[in-house]
Amino acid sequence: MSKLVIEGVSKTFAATRALEKIDLAIEDNDFLCILGPSGCGKSTLLRIVAGLEEPGTGRVLLDGQPVERPGPDRGMVFQSYTLFPWLTVRQNVLFGSRSNEARAARLISQVGLQGFEQHYPKQLSGGMQQRTALARALANDPKILLLDEPFGALDNQTRALMQELLLGIWEADRKTVMFVTHDIDEAIFMANRVAVMSARPGRIKTTATVGLPHPRHYTMKTSPEFSRYKAQLTEEIRVEAMKAVQQV
């Protein structure tokens, strides 16, 4: 049975139809990227899976159980740096979690922040803040990790390093991951599968399997195979992006 099942999920805000009958399954240990034009409902879909939004129709099942509210079985990382400014790195990781000090220390080390445990968010770079948010999301040992364009606000160099960091954690721990992005290169590099969404109302237009081997290294981004995936997905996204512009 799939770990996460999305069945017939639709969502309307006022008179705007955001999502239209989304059907999607994510297997155990899968790394799925959701890719689509701006305004297609990618983040809305992720928030429904997180339990932060209720679907208008349909349902979401995690390990066969309906998702009706936020819970520790889903770890969430947002694009903005959602840390408590009055707490240190260690305190942010431990806040609201079931982790003990030993696990928190391991996670902080795993995201490369050993030595910064007592620093406050204002003392950290954007990349370091997002590493802290990632460690906090992992602190409850969730069944699935949900990420909403988590590296979108970072500079290109830091973004590339964060991609490799997250992939390294996934390759080590084999967490199930649902990752929203608008960046085609990022989706290909990170994912085992890429689900392309249509212009609003968002639907799953197609799902592509990414057969790049693991462990992945940034040099893959210049390989012929990577370029073939990029050409395929660029064409899929271009069609939907043009439709999205016409809706404005």
Protein backbone atom coordinates (compact mmCIF):
# COMPACT_ATOMS: atom_id res chain seq x y z
CA MET A 1 0.00 0.00 0.00
CA SER A 2 1.21 3.54 -0.76
CA LYS A 3 2.31 5.61 2.22
CA LEU A 4 0.40 8.70 1.04
CA VAL A 5 -2.75 8.59 -1.09
CA ILE A 6 -4.53 11.69 -2.39
CA GLU A 7 -8.00 10.83 -3.69
CA GLY A 8 -10.17 13.23 -5.69
CA VAL A 9 -8.96 16.32 -3.83
CA SER A 10 -10.41 19.64 -4.99
CA LYS A 11 -10.27 23.07 -3.36
CA THR A 12 -12.07 26.36 -4.01
CA PHE A 13 -11.27 29.74 -2.45
CA ALA A 14 -14.24 32.13 -2.81
CA ALA A 15 -15.00 31.89 -6.54
CA THR A 16 -11.56 30.62 -7.52
CA ARG A 17 -11.12 26.91 -8.21
CA ALA A 18 -7.56 26.21 -6.99
CA LEU A 19 -7.42 22.41 -7.32
CA GLU A 20 -9.48 20.02 -9.44
CA LYS A 21 -9.72 16.30 -8.60
CA ILE A 22 -6.13 15.54 -7.65
CA ASP A 23 -5.33 11.81 -7.55
CA LEU A 24 -1.79 10.95 -6.51
CA ALA A 25 0.03 8.20 -4.63
CA ILE A 26 3.45 8.43 -3.01
CA GLU A 27 5.18 5.20 -2.15
CA ASP A 28 7.22 4.50 0.97
CA ASN A 29 10.72 6.07 0.68
CA ASP A 30 9.73 7.94 -2.50
CA PHE A 31 11.02 11.45 -3.24
CA LEU A 32 8.32 13.24 -5.23
CA CYS A 33 8.67 16.79 -6.52
CA ILE A 34 5.56 18.78 -7.41
CA LEU A 35 6.32 21.13 -10.30
CA GLY A 36 4.02 23.63 -11.96
CA PRO A 37 3.46 27.26 -13.00
CA SER A 38 2.89 30.00 -10.45
CA GLY A 39 -0.62 29.92 -8.99
CA CYS A 40 -1.40 26.33 -9.98
CA GLY A 41 -2.10 25.20 -6.41
CA LYS A 42 1.17 23.42 -5.54
CA SER A 43 1.38 24.95 -2.07
CA THR A 44 -2.36 24.51 -1.47
CA LEU A 45 -2.02 20.79 -2.18
CA LEU A 46 0.92 20.52 0.22
CA ARG A 47 -0.98 22.38 2.93
CA ILE A 48 -3.89 19.96 2.54
CA VAL A 49 -1.51 17.02 2.96
CA ALA A 50 -0.06 18.76 6.03
CA GLY A 51 -3.55 19.18 7.50
CA LEU A 52 -3.31 22.99 7.42
CA GLU A 53 -6.13 23.26 4.86
CA GLU A 54 -9.27 21.16 4.44
CA PRO A 55 -10.03 19.80 0.97
CA GLY A 56 -13.31 20.88 -0.62
CA THR A 57 -13.79 17.34 -1.90
CA GLY A 58 -11.80 14.13 -1.64
CA ARG A 59 -9.46 12.93 1.06
CA VAL A 60 -5.83 12.32 1.99
CA LEU A 61 -4.69 9.06 3.59
CA LEU A 62 -1.35 8.52 5.32
CA ASP A 63 -0.64 4.85 6.01
CA GLY A 64 -4.35 4.24 5.48
CA GLN A 65 -5.44 6.82 8.07
CA PRO A 66 -7.30 10.00 7.02
CA VAL A 67 -5.44 13.30 7.39
CA GLU A 68 -7.73 15.77 9.14
CA ARG A 69 -5.35 18.05 11.05
CA PRO A 70 -1.62 18.73 11.48
CA GLY A 71 0.29 15.99 13.26
CA PRO A 72 3.80 14.82 14.19
CA ASP A 73 3.65 12.15 11.46
CA ARG A 74 4.20 14.97 8.91
CA GLY A 75 7.25 17.22 9.15
CA MET A 76 6.83 20.58 7.37
CA VAL A 77 9.46 23.01 6.07
CA PHE A 78 8.23 26.32 4.66
CA GLN A 79 9.92 28.76 2.28
CA SER A 80 10.11 31.44 4.97
CA TYR A 81 12.39 30.90 7.94
CA THR A 82 9.77 29.86 10.49
CA LEU A 83 12.02 29.79 13.55
CA PHE A 84 11.30 31.27 16.96
CA PRO A 85 13.71 34.24 17.20
CA TRP A 86 13.91 34.05 20.99
CA LEU A 87 15.06 30.40 20.95
CA THR A 88 18.50 29.02 20.15
CA VAL A 89 19.15 26.46 17.40
CA ARG A 90 18.98 23.62 19.93
CA GLN A 91 15.79 24.99 21.51
CA ASN A 92 14.13 25.47 18.11
CA VAL A 93 14.89 21.87 17.15
CA LEU A 94 13.53 20.57 20.45
CA PHE A 95 10.46 22.84 20.55
CA GLY A 96 7.23 20.85 20.43
CA SER A 97 9.02 17.64 19.49
CA ARG A 98 9.31 14.24 21.10
CA SER A 99 13.06 14.21 20.57
CA ASN A 100 15.54 13.93 23.38
CA GLU A 101 18.78 15.88 23.66
CA ALA A 102 20.80 13.11 22.03
CA ARG A 103 18.60 12.96 18.92
CA ALA A 104 18.51 16.76 18.68
CA ALA A 105 22.31 16.83 18.82
CA ARG A 106 22.52 14.19 16.07
CA LEU A 107 20.13 16.13 13.82
CA ILE A 108 22.00 19.39 14.38
CA SER A 109 25.22 17.64 13.41
CA GLN A 110 23.51 15.98 10.42
CA VAL A 111 22.50 19.38 8.99
CA GLY A 112 25.98 20.79 9.54
CA LEU A 113 25.28 23.10 12.49
CA GLN A 114 27.47 21.50 15.15
CA GLY A 115 29.01 24.35 17.13
CA PHE A 116 26.03 26.65 16.51
CA GLU A 117 23.64 25.05 19.01
CA GLN A 118 23.49 28.17 21.21
CA HIS A 119 23.14 30.68 18.38
CA TYR A 120 19.89 32.58 17.83
CA PRO A 121 18.27 32.86 14.37
CA LYS A 122 19.40 36.48 13.92
CA GLN A 123 22.99 35.25 14.23
CA LEU A 124 22.56 32.75 11.37
CA SER A 125 22.61 33.05 7.59
CA GLY A 126 19.49 32.18 5.58
CA GLY A 127 20.89 28.77 4.71
CA MET A 128 21.71 28.03 8.35
CA GLN A 129 18.23 29.05 9.44
CA GLN A 130 16.71 26.69 6.88
CA ARG A 131 19.00 23.88 8.06
CA THR A 132 17.63 24.48 11.56
CA ALA A 133 14.07 24.33 10.21
CA LEU A 134 14.91 21.05 8.46
CA ALA A 135 16.32 19.56 11.66
CA ARG A 136 13.19 20.65 13.55
CA ALA A 137 10.95 19.03 10.92
CA LEU A 138 12.87 15.78 11.34
CA ALA A 139 12.87 15.90 15.15
CA ASN A 140 9.63 13.91 15.51
CA ASP A 141 10.88 11.24 13.09
CA PRO A 142 7.88 11.91 10.79
CA LYS A 143 6.52 9.37 8.32
CA ILE A 144 6.70 11.94 5.53
CA LEU A 145 8.62 15.18 5.05
CA LEU A 146 6.76 18.04 3.33
CA LEU A 147 8.74 20.94 1.88
CA ASP A 148 7.21 24.06 0.29
CA GLU A 149 9.89 25.69 -1.92
CA PRO A 150 12.26 25.56 1.06
CA PHE A 151 15.28 26.88 -0.84
CA GLY A 152 13.49 29.52 -2.91
CA ALA A 153 14.79 32.48 -0.89
CA LEU A 154 18.43 31.34 -0.93
CA ASP A 155 21.20 32.43 -3.27
CA ASN A 156 22.17 29.95 -6.00
CA GLN A 157 25.30 28.64 -4.29
CA THR A 158 23.58 28.08 -0.94
CA ARG A 159 20.58 26.57 -2.70
CA ALA A 160 22.78 24.00 -4.46
CA LEU A 161 24.46 23.08 -1.17
CA MET A 162 21.08 22.68 0.55
CA GLN A 163 19.87 20.42 -2.25
CA GLU A 164 22.86 18.13 -1.73
CA LEU A 165 22.38 18.24 2.05
CA LEU A 166 18.73 17.20 1.82
CA LEU A 167 19.51 14.46 -0.71
CA GLY A 168 22.23 13.15 1.60
CA ILE A 169 19.75 12.96 4.48
CA TRP A 170 17.19 11.23 2.25
CA GLU A 171 19.77 8.73 0.99
CA ALA A 172 20.81 7.96 4.58
CA ASP A 173 17.37 7.85 6.25
CA ARG A 174 15.10 7.03 3.25
CA LYS A 175 12.34 9.35 4.41
CA THR A 176 9.29 9.71 2.19
CA VAL A 177 9.44 13.25 0.77
CA MET A 178 6.94 15.52 -0.99
CA PHE A 179 8.76 18.60 -2.26
CA VAL A 180 7.12 21.60 -3.96
CA THR A 181 9.24 23.71 -6.31
CA HIS A 182 8.94 25.90 -9.39
CA ASP A 183 12.55 25.17 -10.41
CA ILE A 184 12.88 22.48 -13.10
CA ASP A 185 16.58 21.80 -12.45
CA GLU A 186 15.90 21.42 -8.73
CA ALA A 187 13.04 18.99 -9.37
CA ILE A 188 15.14 16.77 -11.66
CA PHE A 189 18.15 16.77 -9.34
CA MET A 190 16.17 16.02 -6.18
CA ALA A 191 13.36 13.71 -7.21
CA ASN A 192 12.76 10.09 -8.05
CA ARG A 193 9.49 11.25 -9.64
CA VAL A 194 8.23 14.64 -10.78
CA ALA A 195 4.49 15.38 -10.88
CA VAL A 196 3.69 18.26 -13.23
CA MET A 197 0.61 20.30 -12.40
CA SER A 198 -1.55 22.16 -14.89
CA ALA A 199 -2.46 25.83 -14.79
CA ARG A 200 -5.32 26.73 -12.43
CA PRO A 201 -7.35 24.84 -11.50
CA GLY A 202 -4.43 22.61 -10.70
CA ARG A 203 -4.54 19.00 -11.86
CA ILE A 204 -1.83 16.37 -12.17
CA LYS A 205 -0.98 16.68 -15.86
CA THR A 206 1.75 14.05 -15.97
CA THR A 207 4.20 12.18 -13.75
CA ALA A 208 7.77 11.53 -14.91
CA THR A 209 10.21 9.06 -13.37
CA VAL A 210 13.75 10.40 -12.91
CA GLY A 211 16.23 7.58 -13.40
CA LEU A 212 19.40 9.38 -12.33
CA PRO A 213 21.50 7.17 -10.03
CA HIS A 214 22.23 7.75 -6.35
CA PRO A 215 24.20 9.19 -4.70
CA ARG A 216 23.73 12.32 -6.79
CA HIS A 217 26.42 14.94 -7.35
CA TYR A 218 25.98 18.46 -8.72
CA THR A 219 27.96 17.51 -11.84
CA MET A 220 24.91 15.49 -12.97
CA LYS A 221 23.27 18.81 -13.86
CA THR A 222 25.49 19.06 -16.96
CA SER A 223 25.00 15.46 -18.13
CA PRO A 224 23.15 14.57 -21.37
CA GLU A 225 20.61 12.51 -19.42
CA PHE A 226 19.83 15.48 -17.16
CA SER A 227 19.40 17.67 -20.26
CA ARG A 228 16.91 15.21 -21.74
CA TYR A 229 14.77 15.32 -18.59
CA LYS A 230 15.00 19.11 -18.58
CA ALA A 231 13.88 19.39 -22.21
CA GLN A 232 10.88 17.15 -21.52
CA LEU A 233 9.75 18.96 -18.39
CA THR A 234 10.46 22.43 -19.77
CA GLU A 235 8.04 21.81 -22.61
CA GLU A 236 5.39 20.48 -20.21
CA ILE A 237 5.75 23.51 -17.91
CA ARG A 238 5.96 26.04 -20.76
CA VAL A 239 2.54 25.04 -22.08
CA GLU A 240 0.97 25.40 -18.62
CA ALA A 241 2.81 28.66 -17.84
CA MET A 242 1.41 30.20 -21.03
CA LYS A 243 -2.10 29.16 -19.97
CA ALA A 244 -1.50 30.68 -16.53
CA VAL A 245 -0.46 34.03 -18.07
CA GLN A 246 -3.63 34.08 -20.17
CA GLN A 247 -5.71 33.65 -17.00
CA VAL A 248 -4.39 36.88 -15.47
